[in-house]
Amino acid sequence: MRAFFSWIDPKYLAIVIVVIALFIYDILQAGAPERLRGEIASSNDAEFVVPYLAHADPRLADAAWDNVSEHPREFASAITGLLADGNLNEQIAAISAINEFNLELAPDAAWSLLQTGPATLQAQALKYLARTGEKIDPQIVTATYYAAIKPSDKAIIVEYGLTSLPEDQAADLLIDALADSSKDVKFAVLDAAKKIAGDSRMRILIEALQYSELLAPFAIIELKKLGEDAYDVLLDALDDRRSMVVAGAAEALGEIGNPEALEHLLGLFTDTSYDVLESAGKAAGKLADEEHFNLFFGWIQSSRPDSIKSIPAIHAFGSGKWVTAGDRLMQIASDPGFEKGLRKASIEALGEMQYEDAYDFLYGIASDTEMTENIRRAAITALGRFPSDRSFDFLRTALRDVTNFEVRCAAAEGLGLMSGRPEAVDELMLAANDEDIGKVLNAIVKALGDLGDRRAIPAIEAARPNVFREAVCDFAIAKIEYLNID
């Protein structure tokens, strides 16, 4: 061995030894966090586990939070001790844990944090006091809100503090908060609005509908829950310049069920937006009587139907009230002599009504590689309306079709309709990891948002740099988080 090293300059030999030593050290150190993580996750020693709630390494912090979440009462004393004696980050973690796990805190301690603590501690203290029913001076709430800088703090104050104010004052501040650049604050406003009654709540929802692109669809959801009280607001929304809002308002009116809305919906049957035509047709189908269905059927019976008003008429049949139109819709869908928009709408309506006699027909179009692109794509998506194993297997395979990205888009859209199958989320998350075409990623991300499974949020965030439009990620995550709120 000595002979082997004798030809090496001692200076270089020393460098080699140092490099090897550092390499071995790195290997040993790499396993240390994982070992520590395991100890934190399994330990019952509260004094050991609780400080890691505030650790800078998210792996260690997550292990502590997971451990505490399993039996929080056993860690309660250590958590309140950390709040009293810890540094700022530890105090923030402690009060957050107290709120997260509904642990008890002496009211005097919470009041002290609210009045003298830094902004994040104030926000969490306010949340605790509001959650436990304490009456808070409106001036303190207002001052805390205007002093907050971090969006997460503002969101907490909006949701738990502003709703303790008199309704008119709360509504004014909540409407002001809609102008905040943070989407977390904007959604906190909608959550807070649920706790406010009457005209003040309606003011907030109208403001969110009119002036926030992100919140508009969710404001419509909340307005729909108000039923007849929101009827006039939704009617006014049919005149909005944004087709997304018009389409959402039309669908909401169909679900509210006031038959007087039908004539207003029929007025949209010549709109220039396909989304509006589709939504107006679906809504009209829920309100139409036999006379109107006969009128719609007459439009599509023509050898050359009007391609504008017949599209919403076709979607009206998607409500399922008149399945006898199914055979006619299959005729239109299969005839190349009809305008493509009518054929596409017919396929979509057959899926919406879940017309079983059309399943093999739709499956055949979806499988036909020679079929016109947008017709085949509509059929692939329509299979998602039939949540059978056969449909799922087809869509899962189509999602991996490396020869045609449009097929992958359609398959993603179809899987996004299979809300009763958790494995659809798994397939979409796998596809998001492998996909490199922005348009397909858009379809995948939107489908994950529609399915509403929180497991998908990391996959959506990972897709953000490569999607065709980044806003689709924001909307999908917002949809998952907002629609999962109790």
Foldseek 3Di string as FASTA:
>chain_A
DCVVCVVPDVVVVVVVVVVVVVVVVVVVVVCVVVVLLVCLLPDLPLLVNLQQCLPPPVSSNVSSVNNCLVPVVSNLVVLVVCLVDPDPSSVLSSLVVCLVNVNDDPLVVLVCCLVDNPLSSVLSSLLNCQVVPHQDDLVSLVVSLVRDDDPVSNLSSLQRPLLSDPLVSSLVVLLVQCPDPDVSSVLSSLNNLVSHDDPSSVSSLLSQLQPPPLCNLVSLVVLLVVQPVSLVVLLVQCPDPDLVSNLSSLLSLLVSADLVCLVSLLVCLQPPDLSSLLSSLCSNLSNDDPVVLVVLLVQLVDPAHDLRNNLSSLSSCLNQPCCVCLVSLLVQLPDPVYDPSSNLSSLLSCLSNVVVVCLVVLVVLLPDPPHDLSSNLSSLLSLLSVQDPVNLVVLLVQCPPPVDLSSVLSSLNSLLSNLVDPVSLVSLLVSLVVDQAQDSNLSSLLSLLSSLDPVCLVSLVVSQVRHPDNVSSVSSVCSSVSVPDD
